[in-house]
N, C-alpha and C. Protein backbone atom coordinates (compact mmCIF):
# COMPACT_ATOMS: atom_id res chain seq x y z
N MET A 1 103.32 137.85 122.93
CA MET A 1 103.00 138.98 122.09
C MET A 1 103.47 138.72 120.67
N VAL A 2 102.65 139.11 119.77
CA VAL A 2 102.96 138.94 118.36
C VAL A 2 103.32 140.30 117.79
N ARG A 3 104.33 140.34 116.99
CA ARG A 3 104.76 141.62 116.42
C ARG A 3 103.77 142.09 115.36
N GLN A 4 103.80 143.36 115.10
CA GLN A 4 102.97 143.95 114.06
C GLN A 4 103.52 143.55 112.70
N LEU A 5 102.62 143.20 111.79
CA LEU A 5 103.04 142.83 110.44
C LEU A 5 103.41 144.07 109.64
N LYS A 6 104.42 143.91 108.84
CA LYS A 6 104.83 145.02 107.97
C LYS A 6 103.83 145.13 106.82
N TYR A 7 103.91 146.24 106.11
CA TYR A 7 102.94 146.53 105.05
C TYR A 7 102.92 145.43 104.00
N HIS A 8 104.09 145.02 103.49
CA HIS A 8 104.11 144.00 102.44
C HIS A 8 103.63 142.65 102.94
N GLU A 9 103.85 142.35 104.23
CA GLU A 9 103.35 141.10 104.80
C GLU A 9 101.82 141.12 104.89
N GLN A 10 101.27 142.24 105.28
CA GLN A 10 99.81 142.36 105.34
C GLN A 10 99.19 142.23 103.95
N LYS A 11 99.86 142.81 102.98
CA LYS A 11 99.35 142.76 101.61
C LYS A 11 99.35 141.31 101.09
N LEU A 12 100.42 140.58 101.39
CA LEU A 12 100.48 139.18 100.98
C LEU A 12 99.42 138.34 101.67
N LEU A 13 99.20 138.58 102.95
CA LEU A 13 98.24 137.79 103.70
C LEU A 13 96.80 138.07 103.31
N LYS A 14 96.54 139.21 102.72
CA LYS A 14 95.19 139.50 102.25
C LYS A 14 94.77 138.53 101.14
N LYS A 15 95.76 138.07 100.37
CA LYS A 15 95.47 137.19 99.24
C LYS A 15 95.33 135.72 99.64
N VAL A 16 95.71 135.39 100.86
CA VAL A 16 95.67 134.00 101.31
C VAL A 16 94.49 133.80 102.24
N ASP A 17 93.69 132.81 101.94
CA ASP A 17 92.53 132.50 102.76
C ASP A 17 92.87 131.27 103.60
N PHE A 18 93.14 131.48 104.89
CA PHE A 18 93.55 130.38 105.75
C PHE A 18 92.38 129.52 106.19
N VAL A 19 91.16 130.00 106.02
CA VAL A 19 90.00 129.24 106.43
C VAL A 19 89.77 128.06 105.49
N SER A 20 89.85 128.32 104.20
CA SER A 20 89.63 127.24 103.23
C SER A 20 90.94 126.85 102.56
N TRP A 21 92.00 126.78 103.32
CA TRP A 21 93.32 126.41 102.82
C TRP A 21 93.32 124.95 102.42
N LYS A 22 93.75 124.69 101.21
CA LYS A 22 93.81 123.31 100.73
C LYS A 22 95.26 122.87 100.68
N THR A 23 95.54 121.81 101.40
CA THR A 23 96.92 121.30 101.41
C THR A 23 97.10 120.36 100.23
N ASP A 24 98.29 120.35 99.73
CA ASP A 24 98.62 119.44 98.65
C ASP A 24 98.95 118.07 99.23
N ASN A 25 98.42 117.04 98.64
CA ASN A 25 98.67 115.70 99.15
C ASN A 25 99.87 115.11 98.41
N ASN A 26 101.04 115.66 98.65
CA ASN A 26 102.25 115.20 97.97
C ASN A 26 103.01 114.17 98.79
N VAL A 27 102.45 113.72 99.90
CA VAL A 27 103.13 112.73 100.72
C VAL A 27 103.27 111.43 99.94
N HIS A 28 102.19 111.01 99.32
CA HIS A 28 102.21 109.77 98.54
C HIS A 28 103.17 109.90 97.36
N GLU A 29 103.14 111.05 96.70
CA GLU A 29 104.03 111.28 95.56
C GLU A 29 105.48 111.23 96.00
N GLY A 30 105.79 111.84 97.13
CA GLY A 30 107.16 111.81 97.64
C GLY A 30 107.63 110.41 97.97
N GLN A 31 106.72 109.61 98.53
CA GLN A 31 107.07 108.22 98.84
C GLN A 31 107.37 107.43 97.58
N ILE A 32 106.57 107.63 96.53
CA ILE A 32 106.79 106.93 95.27
C ILE A 32 108.11 107.37 94.64
N LEU A 33 108.35 108.69 94.64
CA LEU A 33 109.59 109.21 94.06
C LEU A 33 110.81 108.62 94.77
N LYS A 34 110.72 108.49 96.08
CA LYS A 34 111.84 107.94 96.85
C LYS A 34 111.97 106.43 96.64
N ARG A 35 110.84 105.74 96.63
CA ARG A 35 110.86 104.28 96.51
C ARG A 35 111.43 103.81 95.18
N PHE A 36 111.10 104.52 94.10
CA PHE A 36 111.56 104.11 92.78
C PHE A 36 112.73 104.95 92.27
N ALA A 37 113.32 105.76 93.14
CA ALA A 37 114.50 106.58 92.82
C ALA A 37 114.28 107.42 91.56
N ILE A 38 113.15 108.10 91.52
CA ILE A 38 112.82 108.96 90.38
C ILE A 38 113.38 110.34 90.67
N ARG A 39 114.26 110.81 89.80
CA ARG A 39 114.92 112.10 90.01
C ARG A 39 114.07 113.26 89.50
N LYS A 40 113.30 113.05 88.46
CA LYS A 40 112.53 114.14 87.85
C LYS A 40 111.05 113.92 88.13
N ARG A 41 110.42 114.94 88.69
CA ARG A 41 108.98 114.86 88.95
C ARG A 41 108.17 114.77 87.66
N GLU A 42 108.75 115.24 86.55
CA GLU A 42 108.03 115.19 85.27
C GLU A 42 107.72 113.75 84.87
N HIS A 43 108.64 112.83 85.19
CA HIS A 43 108.40 111.43 84.87
C HIS A 43 107.18 110.92 85.62
N TYR A 44 107.12 111.24 86.91
CA TYR A 44 106.00 110.78 87.72
C TYR A 44 104.69 111.39 87.24
N SER A 45 104.71 112.68 86.90
CA SER A 45 103.47 113.31 86.43
C SER A 45 103.05 112.72 85.08
N THR A 46 104.01 112.36 84.24
CA THR A 46 103.69 111.70 82.97
C THR A 46 103.04 110.35 83.22
N TYR A 47 103.61 109.57 84.16
CA TYR A 47 103.03 108.27 84.50
C TYR A 47 101.62 108.44 85.05
N ASN A 48 101.41 109.46 85.87
CA ASN A 48 100.08 109.73 86.42
C ASN A 48 99.09 110.04 85.31
N THR A 49 99.52 110.86 84.35
CA THR A 49 98.65 111.22 83.23
C THR A 49 98.30 110.00 82.40
N LEU A 50 99.29 109.19 82.10
CA LEU A 50 99.04 107.97 81.30
C LEU A 50 98.10 107.02 82.03
N ALA A 51 98.31 106.84 83.32
CA ALA A 51 97.45 105.95 84.10
C ALA A 51 96.01 106.45 84.11
N ARG A 52 95.85 107.77 84.28
CA ARG A 52 94.51 108.34 84.28
C ARG A 52 93.83 108.14 82.93
N GLN A 53 94.58 108.34 81.83
CA GLN A 53 94.01 108.16 80.50
C GLN A 53 93.61 106.70 80.27
N ILE A 54 94.41 105.78 80.75
CA ILE A 54 94.06 104.35 80.60
C ILE A 54 92.81 104.04 81.41
N ARG A 55 92.73 104.55 82.63
CA ARG A 55 91.53 104.31 83.45
C ARG A 55 90.29 104.91 82.80
N GLU A 56 90.42 106.11 82.22
CA GLU A 56 89.29 106.74 81.53
C GLU A 56 88.86 105.92 80.33
N MET A 57 89.85 105.42 79.58
CA MET A 57 89.53 104.60 78.41
C MET A 57 88.82 103.32 78.83
N ALA A 58 89.29 102.71 79.91
CA ALA A 58 88.65 101.49 80.40
C ALA A 58 87.22 101.76 80.86
N SER A 59 87.00 102.90 81.49
CA SER A 59 85.63 103.21 81.94
C SER A 59 84.72 103.51 80.75
N LYS A 60 85.26 104.13 79.71
CA LYS A 60 84.45 104.38 78.52
C LYS A 60 84.08 103.08 77.81
N ILE A 61 85.03 102.15 77.75
CA ILE A 61 84.74 100.85 77.13
C ILE A 61 83.72 100.10 77.98
N ALA A 62 83.86 100.17 79.30
CA ALA A 62 82.91 99.49 80.18
C ALA A 62 81.52 100.09 80.07
N ALA A 63 81.44 101.37 79.74
CA ALA A 63 80.14 102.04 79.63
C ALA A 63 79.39 101.67 78.35
N LEU A 64 80.10 101.08 77.38
CA LEU A 64 79.43 100.66 76.14
C LEU A 64 78.42 99.56 76.46
N PRO A 65 77.34 99.52 75.73
CA PRO A 65 76.36 98.44 75.97
C PRO A 65 76.95 97.07 75.59
N ASP A 66 76.47 96.05 76.27
CA ASP A 66 77.00 94.70 76.04
C ASP A 66 76.72 94.18 74.63
N LYS A 67 75.68 94.71 73.99
CA LYS A 67 75.33 94.26 72.65
C LYS A 67 76.23 94.87 71.58
N ASN A 68 77.02 95.86 71.95
CA ASN A 68 77.90 96.51 70.99
C ASN A 68 79.00 95.53 70.56
N PRO A 69 79.13 95.26 69.24
CA PRO A 69 80.14 94.28 68.79
C PRO A 69 81.57 94.77 68.99
N ASN A 70 81.77 96.07 69.10
CA ASN A 70 83.13 96.60 69.26
C ASN A 70 83.63 96.55 70.69
N LYS A 71 82.75 96.33 71.65
CA LYS A 71 83.15 96.34 73.05
C LYS A 71 84.17 95.23 73.34
N LYS A 72 83.88 94.04 72.87
CA LYS A 72 84.78 92.90 73.10
C LYS A 72 86.12 93.13 72.40
N LYS A 73 86.04 93.66 71.16
CA LYS A 73 87.26 93.92 70.39
C LYS A 73 88.14 94.97 71.07
N LEU A 74 87.52 96.06 71.51
CA LEU A 74 88.26 97.13 72.17
C LEU A 74 88.84 96.68 73.51
N THR A 75 88.08 95.89 74.23
CA THR A 75 88.56 95.36 75.51
C THR A 75 89.79 94.49 75.30
N ASN A 76 89.71 93.58 74.32
CA ASN A 76 90.85 92.70 74.04
C ASN A 76 92.06 93.49 73.58
N LYS A 77 91.85 94.48 72.74
CA LYS A 77 92.97 95.31 72.27
C LYS A 77 93.66 96.02 73.42
N LEU A 78 92.86 96.66 74.27
CA LEU A 78 93.42 97.40 75.39
C LEU A 78 94.16 96.49 76.36
N LEU A 79 93.53 95.37 76.72
CA LEU A 79 94.16 94.46 77.68
C LEU A 79 95.41 93.80 77.11
N ASN A 80 95.40 93.46 75.83
CA ASN A 80 96.60 92.87 75.21
C ASN A 80 97.74 93.88 75.17
N LYS A 81 97.42 95.13 74.87
CA LYS A 81 98.44 96.18 74.84
C LYS A 81 99.04 96.38 76.24
N LEU A 82 98.18 96.44 77.24
CA LEU A 82 98.65 96.61 78.61
C LEU A 82 99.44 95.39 79.09
N TYR A 83 99.04 94.22 78.65
CA TYR A 83 99.79 93.01 79.02
C TYR A 83 101.17 93.01 78.38
N ASN A 84 101.25 93.40 77.10
CA ASN A 84 102.55 93.44 76.42
C ASN A 84 103.48 94.48 77.02
N ILE A 85 102.92 95.58 77.50
CA ILE A 85 103.73 96.58 78.16
C ILE A 85 104.18 96.07 79.53
N GLY A 86 103.36 95.22 80.14
CA GLY A 86 103.68 94.66 81.44
C GLY A 86 102.94 95.33 82.59
N LEU A 87 101.90 96.07 82.27
CA LEU A 87 101.16 96.78 83.31
C LEU A 87 100.10 95.93 83.99
N VAL A 88 99.62 94.89 83.31
CA VAL A 88 98.65 93.97 83.92
C VAL A 88 99.23 92.56 83.87
N PRO A 89 99.00 91.76 84.92
CA PRO A 89 99.58 90.42 84.94
C PRO A 89 98.89 89.42 84.01
N THR A 90 97.58 89.57 83.84
CA THR A 90 96.85 88.66 82.96
C THR A 90 95.81 89.44 82.17
N VAL A 91 95.38 88.84 81.07
CA VAL A 91 94.35 89.45 80.23
C VAL A 91 93.04 88.74 80.53
N ASP A 92 92.29 89.27 81.51
CA ASP A 92 91.02 88.61 81.83
C ASP A 92 89.85 89.60 81.88
N THR A 93 89.94 90.64 82.71
CA THR A 93 88.81 91.56 82.81
C THR A 93 89.27 93.00 82.69
N LEU A 94 88.31 93.85 82.45
CA LEU A 94 88.59 95.28 82.29
C LEU A 94 88.90 95.96 83.62
N GLU A 95 88.60 95.29 84.73
CA GLU A 95 88.91 95.86 86.04
C GLU A 95 90.42 95.98 86.24
N ARG A 96 91.18 95.12 85.58
CA ARG A 96 92.65 95.21 85.66
C ARG A 96 93.13 96.54 85.10
N ALA A 97 92.52 96.97 84.00
CA ALA A 97 92.92 98.23 83.37
C ALA A 97 92.52 99.42 84.23
N SER A 98 91.42 99.30 84.94
CA SER A 98 90.99 100.42 85.77
C SER A 98 91.75 100.48 87.09
N ALA A 99 92.60 99.52 87.36
CA ALA A 99 93.40 99.52 88.59
C ALA A 99 94.83 99.99 88.35
N ILE A 100 95.13 100.48 87.15
CA ILE A 100 96.49 100.91 86.83
C ILE A 100 96.76 102.26 87.48
N THR A 101 97.93 102.37 88.10
CA THR A 101 98.35 103.62 88.73
C THR A 101 99.71 104.02 88.19
N ALA A 102 100.23 105.14 88.67
CA ALA A 102 101.56 105.58 88.26
C ALA A 102 102.62 104.59 88.75
N SER A 103 102.35 103.93 89.86
CA SER A 103 103.30 102.94 90.38
C SER A 103 103.45 101.75 89.42
N SER A 104 102.39 101.45 88.67
CA SER A 104 102.47 100.37 87.69
C SER A 104 103.53 100.68 86.64
N PHE A 105 103.58 101.94 86.23
CA PHE A 105 104.61 102.35 85.28
C PHE A 105 105.98 102.36 85.92
N CYS A 106 106.04 102.79 87.18
CA CYS A 106 107.32 102.86 87.88
C CYS A 106 107.93 101.47 88.05
N ARG A 107 107.09 100.45 88.20
CA ARG A 107 107.60 99.08 88.33
C ARG A 107 108.21 98.55 87.04
N ARG A 108 107.92 99.19 85.91
CA ARG A 108 108.47 98.75 84.62
C ARG A 108 109.68 99.57 84.21
N ARG A 109 110.16 100.48 85.06
CA ARG A 109 111.36 101.25 84.75
C ARG A 109 112.57 100.31 84.78
N LEU A 110 113.59 100.63 84.00
CA LEU A 110 114.77 99.77 83.89
C LEU A 110 115.48 99.62 85.23
N ALA A 111 115.60 100.69 86.00
CA ALA A 111 116.28 100.62 87.29
C ALA A 111 115.56 99.65 88.23
N THR A 112 114.24 99.64 88.20
CA THR A 112 113.47 98.74 89.03
C THR A 112 113.58 97.30 88.53
N MET A 113 113.60 97.12 87.22
CA MET A 113 113.73 95.78 86.66
C MET A 113 115.11 95.17 86.96
N VAL A 114 116.13 96.01 87.04
CA VAL A 114 117.47 95.54 87.38
C VAL A 114 117.45 94.97 88.80
N VAL A 115 116.72 95.60 89.71
CA VAL A 115 116.60 95.09 91.07
C VAL A 115 115.78 93.80 91.07
N LYS A 116 114.74 93.76 90.27
CA LYS A 116 113.88 92.58 90.20
C LYS A 116 114.64 91.35 89.69
N LEU A 117 115.59 91.60 88.78
CA LEU A 117 116.41 90.51 88.24
C LEU A 117 117.62 90.21 89.11
N LYS A 118 117.70 90.86 90.28
CA LYS A 118 118.77 90.66 91.25
C LYS A 118 120.15 91.01 90.70
N MET A 119 120.19 92.02 89.83
CA MET A 119 121.46 92.52 89.33
C MET A 119 122.00 93.63 90.23
N SER A 120 121.14 94.19 91.08
CA SER A 120 121.55 95.15 92.10
C SER A 120 120.66 94.96 93.32
N GLN A 121 121.07 95.56 94.43
CA GLN A 121 120.32 95.35 95.67
C GLN A 121 119.31 96.44 95.95
N SER A 122 119.50 97.63 95.37
CA SER A 122 118.55 98.71 95.59
C SER A 122 118.27 99.43 94.28
N VAL A 123 117.19 100.17 94.26
CA VAL A 123 116.80 100.88 93.04
C VAL A 123 117.80 102.01 92.75
N GLU A 124 118.31 102.64 93.81
CA GLU A 124 119.31 103.71 93.61
C GLU A 124 120.57 103.15 92.96
N GLU A 125 121.00 101.99 93.44
CA GLU A 125 122.18 101.35 92.86
C GLU A 125 121.90 100.90 91.42
N GLY A 126 120.70 100.40 91.18
CA GLY A 126 120.31 100.01 89.82
C GLY A 126 120.31 101.20 88.88
N ALA A 127 119.81 102.35 89.36
CA ALA A 127 119.80 103.56 88.54
C ALA A 127 121.23 104.00 88.23
N ARG A 128 122.12 103.87 89.21
CA ARG A 128 123.52 104.25 89.00
C ARG A 128 124.18 103.33 87.97
N LEU A 129 123.90 102.02 88.06
CA LEU A 129 124.46 101.07 87.09
C LEU A 129 123.98 101.38 85.68
N VAL A 130 122.70 101.72 85.56
CA VAL A 130 122.14 102.04 84.25
C VAL A 130 122.77 103.31 83.70
N GLN A 131 122.90 104.33 84.53
CA GLN A 131 123.47 105.60 84.09
C GLN A 131 124.93 105.45 83.68
N GLU A 132 125.66 104.56 84.33
CA GLU A 132 127.07 104.36 84.01
C GLU A 132 127.27 103.48 82.79
N GLY A 133 126.20 102.90 82.26
CA GLY A 133 126.30 102.12 81.03
C GLY A 133 126.65 100.66 81.24
N HIS A 134 126.33 100.10 82.39
CA HIS A 134 126.63 98.70 82.67
C HIS A 134 125.52 97.75 82.23
N ILE A 135 124.35 98.28 81.89
CA ILE A 135 123.18 97.46 81.56
C ILE A 135 122.80 97.67 80.10
N ARG A 136 122.45 96.58 79.45
CA ARG A 136 121.93 96.69 78.08
C ARG A 136 120.61 95.94 77.99
N VAL A 137 119.80 96.42 77.07
CA VAL A 137 118.52 95.78 76.77
C VAL A 137 118.59 95.37 75.32
N GLY A 138 118.63 94.06 75.09
CA GLY A 138 118.82 93.57 73.73
C GLY A 138 120.25 93.85 73.30
N ALA A 139 120.41 94.54 72.18
CA ALA A 139 121.74 94.83 71.66
C ALA A 139 122.24 96.21 72.06
N GLU A 140 121.37 97.05 72.62
CA GLU A 140 121.73 98.43 72.91
C GLU A 140 121.98 98.66 74.39
N VAL A 141 123.04 99.42 74.68
CA VAL A 141 123.31 99.85 76.05
C VAL A 141 122.39 101.03 76.34
N VAL A 142 121.63 100.92 77.42
CA VAL A 142 120.68 101.96 77.79
C VAL A 142 121.24 102.71 79.00
N THR A 143 121.28 104.04 78.92
CA THR A 143 121.81 104.84 80.02
C THR A 143 120.73 105.67 80.71
N ASP A 144 119.49 105.42 80.40
CA ASP A 144 118.39 106.15 81.02
C ASP A 144 117.64 105.23 81.97
N PRO A 145 117.69 105.48 83.29
CA PRO A 145 116.99 104.60 84.22
C PRO A 145 115.47 104.67 84.10
N ALA A 146 114.94 105.69 83.40
CA ALA A 146 113.50 105.82 83.22
C ALA A 146 113.00 105.03 82.01
N PHE A 147 113.86 104.29 81.35
CA PHE A 147 113.49 103.48 80.19
C PHE A 147 112.44 102.47 80.62
N LEU A 148 111.28 102.47 79.96
CA LEU A 148 110.21 101.52 80.30
C LEU A 148 110.45 100.21 79.57
N VAL A 149 110.55 99.14 80.32
CA VAL A 149 110.85 97.83 79.78
C VAL A 149 109.54 97.09 79.52
N THR A 150 109.33 96.68 78.27
CA THR A 150 108.14 95.92 77.94
C THR A 150 108.34 94.46 78.33
N ARG A 151 107.28 93.70 78.31
CA ARG A 151 107.37 92.29 78.70
C ARG A 151 108.35 91.48 77.81
N PRO A 152 108.31 91.65 76.48
CA PRO A 152 109.29 90.90 75.67
C PRO A 152 110.74 91.34 75.92
N ASN A 153 110.94 92.62 76.24
CA ASN A 153 112.29 93.10 76.49
C ASN A 153 112.82 92.75 77.86
N SER A 154 111.96 92.35 78.78
CA SER A 154 112.43 92.05 80.13
C SER A 154 113.34 90.83 80.16
N ASP A 155 113.21 89.95 79.18
CA ASP A 155 114.10 88.79 79.10
C ASP A 155 115.46 89.14 78.51
N LEU A 156 115.57 90.32 77.91
CA LEU A 156 116.78 90.71 77.21
C LEU A 156 117.68 91.63 78.03
N ILE A 157 117.39 91.84 79.30
CA ILE A 157 118.21 92.71 80.15
C ILE A 157 119.43 91.91 80.61
N THR A 158 120.61 92.39 80.24
CA THR A 158 121.86 91.73 80.63
C THR A 158 122.91 92.78 80.93
N TRP A 159 124.09 92.31 81.33
CA TRP A 159 125.22 93.21 81.53
C TRP A 159 125.76 93.61 80.17
N ALA A 160 126.31 94.80 80.09
CA ALA A 160 126.91 95.27 78.84
C ALA A 160 128.21 94.50 78.59
N LYS A 161 128.59 94.36 77.32
CA LYS A 161 129.78 93.60 76.96
C LYS A 161 131.05 94.19 77.58
N ALA A 162 131.17 95.52 77.54
CA ALA A 162 132.40 96.17 78.01
C ALA A 162 132.39 96.41 79.52
N SER A 163 131.38 95.95 80.22
CA SER A 163 131.26 96.23 81.64
C SER A 163 132.23 95.40 82.46
N LYS A 164 132.93 96.05 83.37
CA LYS A 164 133.83 95.34 84.28
C LYS A 164 133.04 94.48 85.25
N ILE A 165 131.84 94.91 85.56
CA ILE A 165 131.00 94.14 86.49
C ILE A 165 130.65 92.80 85.86
N ARG A 166 130.38 92.81 84.57
CA ARG A 166 130.07 91.56 83.88
C ARG A 166 131.24 90.59 83.97
N LYS A 167 132.46 91.11 83.80
CA LYS A 167 133.65 90.26 83.87
C LYS A 167 133.79 89.66 85.27
N HIS A 168 133.51 90.46 86.30
CA HIS A 168 133.60 89.95 87.67
C HIS A 168 132.54 88.87 87.92
N VAL A 169 131.34 89.10 87.42
CA VAL A 169 130.26 88.12 87.61
C VAL A 169 130.61 86.82 86.88
N GLU A 170 131.13 86.92 85.66
CA GLU A 170 131.49 85.72 84.90
C GLU A 170 132.66 84.99 85.56
N SER A 171 133.62 85.72 86.10
CA SER A 171 134.74 85.09 86.81
C SER A 171 134.24 84.36 88.05
N TYR A 172 133.34 84.97 88.77
CA TYR A 172 132.79 84.38 89.97
C TYR A 172 132.03 83.10 89.65
N ASN A 173 131.30 83.09 88.55
CA ASN A 173 130.51 81.92 88.16
C ASN A 173 131.29 80.91 87.33
N ASN A 174 132.57 81.16 87.11
CA ASN A 174 133.45 80.29 86.31
C ASN A 174 132.92 80.07 84.90
N ILE A 175 132.39 81.11 84.28
CA ILE A 175 131.94 80.99 82.90
C ILE A 175 132.63 82.02 82.01
N ARG A 176 133.68 82.67 82.52
CA ARG A 176 134.38 83.69 81.74
C ARG A 176 135.29 83.03 80.73
N ASP A 177 135.27 83.57 79.54
CA ASP A 177 136.11 83.06 78.46
C ASP A 177 137.50 83.67 78.60
N ASP A 178 138.55 82.83 78.64
CA ASP A 178 139.91 83.32 78.82
C ASP A 178 140.40 84.05 77.58
N PHE A 179 139.81 83.79 76.46
CA PHE A 179 140.25 84.41 75.20
C PHE A 179 139.89 85.89 75.14
N GLU A 180 138.83 86.31 75.83
CA GLU A 180 138.37 87.69 75.76
C GLU A 180 139.35 88.68 76.38
N GLY A 181 140.15 88.26 77.29
CA GLY A 181 141.18 89.14 77.86
C GLY A 181 140.75 89.82 79.00
């Protein structure tokens, strides 16, 4: 037996149509958020928006006629920009740009790059190291794990000078300078 619904419950249910109920497909989003240790959903939605805009731009360029002199120029500009950011592995065809997803941006986050460079074992640990100020990119210590690392900057990711972890790593590798203290 089912109990009788109260007045306010009946009123709420009048507004909900269970026949054409549309479920949100947030399973994939949740998996991405967990895999890349993204704390704020706004970051993921921003990456999704950027990826969609890039795909739209690529489709608009592809829709240009082949005789258009600007098509080749625009294609090269877009692919070179995406290559420099690190979103595409090579600059060859426009299909690479149309395959960009939010995960492409997530792979360029600093916390993920720290794992890729084997400075930590998990993305969560990498995010913690970044937040605590143990990682620097170039000359600046970066404390935001959502920092997007471009291809030229990926070679500049190192331990921070004042980091105790750096001292332990240098001691382990026998390259620590005794003068530094």
